[in-house]
Amino acid sequence: MSTSNSNYHRILRISALVCAIALVFESGLLVKSTANLAQNTHLYVANAVGMSVGVAPTELNQYTAALTQKERELNQREAALAEREIEVTLSTGGGQSNDTATYLLASVLFILLVLILLNYTLDYLRIKEQSRRQTV
């Protein structure tokens, strides 16, 4: 079995490739709208986590439900406004990139590349040492 075709090497190469593709997508190198899409996806996922609970109706619960309904209406208005702002930002070509995620993905990609290089170097040294022992 060749050491360059082991499952570990395959997984390492695939991980580096996936990380590189995600980094290109996240940074918006090819198309700027992908950076905006990635940033909005991060915001959506961060806001999508939630839970709900049911209790027996009381006067206080009814007031709370009415207040919650008003908050939902305000949140919907805010979301519509944010969506409109995003459309305006995309049409004008402005907007902020998600630098933190880009730097994080770049760091992970760099670490994966260093690990691949280290692994191949150590494999080369091990094979060289084995061949030297066999000749002696």
C-alpha atoms as a PDB file:
ATOM      1  CA  MET A   1       0.000   0.000   0.000  1.00  0.00           C
ATOM      2  CA  SER A   2       1.461   3.319  -1.048  1.00  0.00           C
ATOM      3  CA  THR A   3       1.757   5.936   1.679  1.00  0.00           C
ATOM      4  CA  SER A   4       0.772   8.729  -0.716  1.00  0.00           C
ATOM      5  CA  ASN A   5      -2.617   7.080  -1.366  1.00  0.00           C
ATOM      6  CA  SER A   6      -3.606   6.279   2.203  1.00  0.00           C
ATOM      7  CA  ASN A   7      -6.983   7.364   3.514  1.00  0.00           C
ATOM      8  CA  TYR A   8      -5.290   9.922   5.737  1.00  0.00           C
ATOM      9  CA  HIS A   9      -3.657  11.589   2.728  1.00  0.00           C
ATOM     10  CA  ARG A  10      -6.898  11.555   0.773  1.00  0.00           C
ATOM     11  CA  ILE A  11      -8.823  13.142   3.634  1.00  0.00           C
ATOM     12  CA  LEU A  12      -6.105  15.735   4.144  1.00  0.00           C
ATOM     13  CA  ARG A  13      -6.068  16.700   0.447  1.00  0.00           C
ATOM     14  CA  ILE A  14      -9.871  16.842   0.272  1.00  0.00           C
ATOM     15  CA  SER A  15     -10.010  18.952   3.458  1.00  0.00           C
ATOM     16  CA  ALA A  16      -7.506  21.407   2.027  1.00  0.00           C
ATOM     17  CA  LEU A  17      -9.441  21.621  -1.244  1.00  0.00           C
ATOM     18  CA  VAL A  18     -12.802  22.148   0.490  1.00  0.00           C
ATOM     19  CA  CYS A  19     -11.279  24.780   2.758  1.00  0.00           C
ATOM     20  CA  ALA A  20      -9.740  26.580  -0.235  1.00  0.00           C
ATOM     21  CA  ILE A  21     -13.043  26.576  -2.123  1.00  0.00           C
ATOM     22  CA  ALA A  22     -14.902  27.830   0.957  1.00  0.00           C
ATOM     23  CA  LEU A  23     -12.289  30.547   1.410  1.00  0.00           C
ATOM     24  CA  VAL A  24     -12.664  31.725  -2.195  1.00  0.00           C
ATOM     25  CA  PHE A  25     -16.456  31.749  -1.787  1.00  0.00           C
ATOM     26  CA  GLU A  26     -16.348  33.439   1.625  1.00  0.00           C
ATOM     27  CA  SER A  27     -13.885  36.147   0.606  1.00  0.00           C
ATOM     28  CA  GLY A  28     -15.690  37.059  -2.602  1.00  0.00           C
ATOM     29  CA  LEU A  29     -12.558  36.870  -4.753  1.00  0.00           C
ATOM     30  CA  LEU A  30     -14.418  35.752  -7.860  1.00  0.00           C
ATOM     31  CA  VAL A  31     -17.774  37.464  -7.309  1.00  0.00           C
ATOM     32  CA  LYS A  32     -18.300  40.145  -4.656  1.00  0.00           C
ATOM     33  CA  SER A  33     -21.905  39.095  -4.058  1.00  0.00           C
ATOM     34  CA  THR A  34     -20.713  35.754  -2.609  1.00  0.00           C
ATOM     35  CA  ALA A  35     -19.051  37.620   0.268  1.00  0.00           C
ATOM     36  CA  ASN A  36     -22.317  39.443   0.958  1.00  0.00           C
ATOM     37  CA  LEU A  37     -24.232  36.181   0.662  1.00  0.00           C
ATOM     38  CA  ALA A  38     -21.864  34.489   3.113  1.00  0.00           C
ATOM     39  CA  GLN A  39     -22.169  37.364   5.580  1.00  0.00           C
ATOM     40  CA  ASN A  40     -25.966  37.345   5.374  1.00  0.00           C
ATOM     41  CA  THR A  41     -25.981  33.561   5.809  1.00  0.00           C
ATOM     42  CA  HIS A  42     -23.930  33.936   8.990  1.00  0.00           C
ATOM     43  CA  LEU A  43     -26.406  36.505  10.300  1.00  0.00           C
ATOM     44  CA  TYR A  44     -29.403  34.361   9.353  1.00  0.00           C
ATOM     45  CA  VAL A  45     -28.012  31.249  11.053  1.00  0.00           C
ATOM     46  CA  ALA A  46     -27.183  33.289  14.149  1.00  0.00           C
ATOM     47  CA  ASN A  47     -30.757  34.602  14.323  1.00  0.00           C
ATOM     48  CA  ALA A  48     -32.507  31.332  13.412  1.00  0.00           C
ATOM     49  CA  VAL A  49     -31.829  29.542  16.678  1.00  0.00           C
ATOM     50  CA  GLY A  50     -34.844  29.631  19.017  1.00  0.00           C
ATOM     51  CA  MET A  51     -37.484  27.641  20.873  1.00  0.00           C
ATOM     52  CA  SER A  52     -41.142  27.859  21.881  1.00  0.00           C
ATOM     53  CA  VAL A  53     -43.118  26.696  24.929  1.00  0.00           C
ATOM     54  CA  GLY A  54     -46.863  26.470  25.605  1.00  0.00           C
ATOM     55  CA  VAL A  55     -48.559  27.355  28.930  1.00  0.00           C
ATOM     56  CA  ALA A  56     -52.135  27.647  30.184  1.00  0.00           C
ATOM     57  CA  PRO A  57     -53.695  31.033  29.231  1.00  0.00           C
ATOM     58  CA  THR A  58     -53.965  33.631  31.997  1.00  0.00           C
ATOM     59  CA  GLU A  59     -54.451  37.394  31.926  1.00  0.00           C
ATOM     60  CA  LEU A  60     -50.719  37.976  32.257  1.00  0.00           C
ATOM     61  CA  ASN A  61     -50.017  35.437  29.497  1.00  0.00           C
ATOM     62  CA  GLN A  62     -52.476  37.225  27.206  1.00  0.00           C
ATOM     63  CA  TYR A  63     -50.727  40.553  27.779  1.00  0.00           C
ATOM     64  CA  THR A  64     -47.401  38.884  27.186  1.00  0.00           C
ATOM     65  CA  ALA A  65     -48.723  37.257  24.000  1.00  0.00           C
ATOM     66  CA  ALA A  66     -49.975  40.627  22.736  1.00  0.00           C
ATOM     67  CA  LEU A  67     -46.609  42.208  23.512  1.00  0.00           C
ATOM     68  CA  THR A  68     -44.834  39.333  21.801  1.00  0.00           C
ATOM     69  CA  GLN A  69     -47.074  39.751  18.740  1.00  0.00           C
ATOM     70  CA  LYS A  70     -46.142  43.447  18.580  1.00  0.00           C
ATOM     71  CA  GLU A  71     -42.471  42.531  18.876  1.00  0.00           C
ATOM     72  CA  ARG A  72     -42.841  40.044  16.015  1.00  0.00           C
ATOM     73  CA  GLU A  73     -44.475  42.706  13.861  1.00  0.00           C
ATOM     74  CA  LEU A  74     -41.615  45.080  14.638  1.00  0.00           C
ATOM     75  CA  ASN A  75     -39.082  42.340  13.881  1.00  0.00           C
ATOM     76  CA  GLN A  76     -40.786  41.671  10.548  1.00  0.00           C
ATOM     77  CA  ARG A  77     -40.632  45.368   9.702  1.00  0.00           C
ATOM     78  CA  GLU A  78     -36.989  45.446  10.737  1.00  0.00           C
ATOM     79  CA  ALA A  79     -36.257  42.376   8.607  1.00  0.00           C
ATOM     80  CA  ALA A  80     -38.000  43.959   5.615  1.00  0.00           C
ATOM     81  CA  LEU A  81     -35.970  47.123   6.139  1.00  0.00           C
ATOM     82  CA  ALA A  82     -32.748  45.134   6.468  1.00  0.00           C
ATOM     83  CA  GLU A  83     -33.584  43.220   3.288  1.00  0.00           C
ATOM     84  CA  ARG A  84     -34.179  46.489   1.470  1.00  0.00           C
ATOM     85  CA  GLU A  85     -30.856  47.824   2.776  1.00  0.00           C
ATOM     86  CA  ILE A  86     -29.121  44.670   1.539  1.00  0.00           C
ATOM     87  CA  GLU A  87     -30.665  45.118  -1.905  1.00  0.00           C
ATOM     88  CA  VAL A  88     -29.518  48.730  -1.979  1.00  0.00           C
ATOM     89  CA  THR A  89     -26.031  47.700  -0.829  1.00  0.00           C
ATOM     90  CA  LEU A  90     -25.811  44.973  -3.482  1.00  0.00           C
ATOM     91  CA  SER A  91     -27.025  47.310  -6.212  1.00  0.00           C
ATOM     92  CA  THR A  92     -24.545  50.050  -5.268  1.00  0.00           C
ATOM     93  CA  GLY A  93     -21.663  47.588  -4.928  1.00  0.00           C
ATOM     94  CA  GLY A  94     -20.858  48.586  -1.355  1.00  0.00           C
ATOM     95  CA  GLY A  95     -21.094  46.610   1.827  1.00  0.00           C
ATOM     96  CA  GLN A  96     -18.773  45.041   4.325  1.00  0.00           C
ATOM     97  CA  SER A  97     -16.973  41.771   3.902  1.00  0.00           C
ATOM     98  CA  ASN A  98     -16.813  39.230   6.650  1.00  0.00           C
ATOM     99  CA  ASP A  99     -13.093  39.549   7.360  1.00  0.00           C
ATOM    100  CA  THR A 100     -13.126  37.388  10.485  1.00  0.00           C
ATOM    101  CA  ALA A 101     -14.482  34.345   8.681  1.00  0.00           C
ATOM    102  CA  THR A 102     -12.097  34.916   5.780  1.00  0.00           C
ATOM    103  CA  TYR A 103      -9.079  35.097   8.085  1.00  0.00           C
ATOM    104  CA  LEU A 104     -10.263  32.026   9.986  1.00  0.00           C
ATOM    105  CA  LEU A 105     -10.666  29.999   6.794  1.00  0.00           C
ATOM    106  CA  ALA A 106      -7.307  31.231   5.513  1.00  0.00           C
ATOM    107  CA  SER A 107      -5.677  30.160   8.783  1.00  0.00           C
ATOM    108  CA  VAL A 108      -7.258  26.704   8.616  1.00  0.00           C
ATOM    109  CA  LEU A 109      -6.170  26.347   4.993  1.00  0.00           C
ATOM    110  CA  PHE A 110      -2.608  27.365   5.887  1.00  0.00           C
ATOM    111  CA  ILE A 111      -2.521  24.856   8.750  1.00  0.00           C
ATOM    112  CA  LEU A 112      -3.787  22.092   6.453  1.00  0.00           C
ATOM    113  CA  LEU A 113      -1.153  22.918   3.857  1.00  0.00           C
ATOM    114  CA  VAL A 114       1.580  22.902   6.509  1.00  0.00           C
ATOM    115  CA  LEU A 115       0.350  19.520   7.750  1.00  0.00           C
ATOM    116  CA  ILE A 116       0.373  18.108   4.214  1.00  0.00           C
ATOM    117  CA  LEU A 117       3.898  19.398   3.621  1.00  0.00           C
ATOM    118  CA  LEU A 118       5.077  18.079   6.998  1.00  0.00           C
ATOM    119  CA  ASN A 119       3.488  14.703   6.353  1.00  0.00           C
ATOM    120  CA  TYR A 120       5.114  14.274   2.942  1.00  0.00           C
ATOM    121  CA  THR A 121       8.467  15.426   4.326  1.00  0.00           C
ATOM    122  CA  LEU A 122       8.306  12.925   7.186  1.00  0.00           C
ATOM    123  CA  ASP A 123       7.236  10.158   4.800  1.00  0.00           C
ATOM    124  CA  TYR A 124      10.188  10.974   2.541  1.00  0.00           C
ATOM    125  CA  LEU A 125      12.613  10.917   5.463  1.00  0.00           C
ATOM    126  CA  ARG A 126      11.188   7.635   6.742  1.00  0.00           C
ATOM    127  CA  ILE A 127      11.468   5.965   3.329  1.00  0.00           C
ATOM    128  CA  LYS A 128      14.998   7.322   2.891  1.00  0.00           C
ATOM    129  CA  GLU A 129      15.960   5.944   6.321  1.00  0.00           C
ATOM    130  CA  GLN A 130      14.431   2.542   5.499  1.00  0.00           C
ATOM    131  CA  SER A 131      16.270   2.313   2.193  1.00  0.00           C
ATOM    132  CA  ARG A 132      19.527   3.298   3.902  1.00  0.00           C
ATOM    133  CA  ARG A 133      19.027   0.538   6.515  1.00  0.00           C
ATOM    134  CA  GLN A 134      18.335  -2.033   3.807  1.00  0.00           C
ATOM    135  CA  THR A 135      21.535  -1.200   1.949  1.00  0.00           C
ATOM    136  CA  VAL A 136      23.664  -1.533   5.123  1.00  0.00           C
END
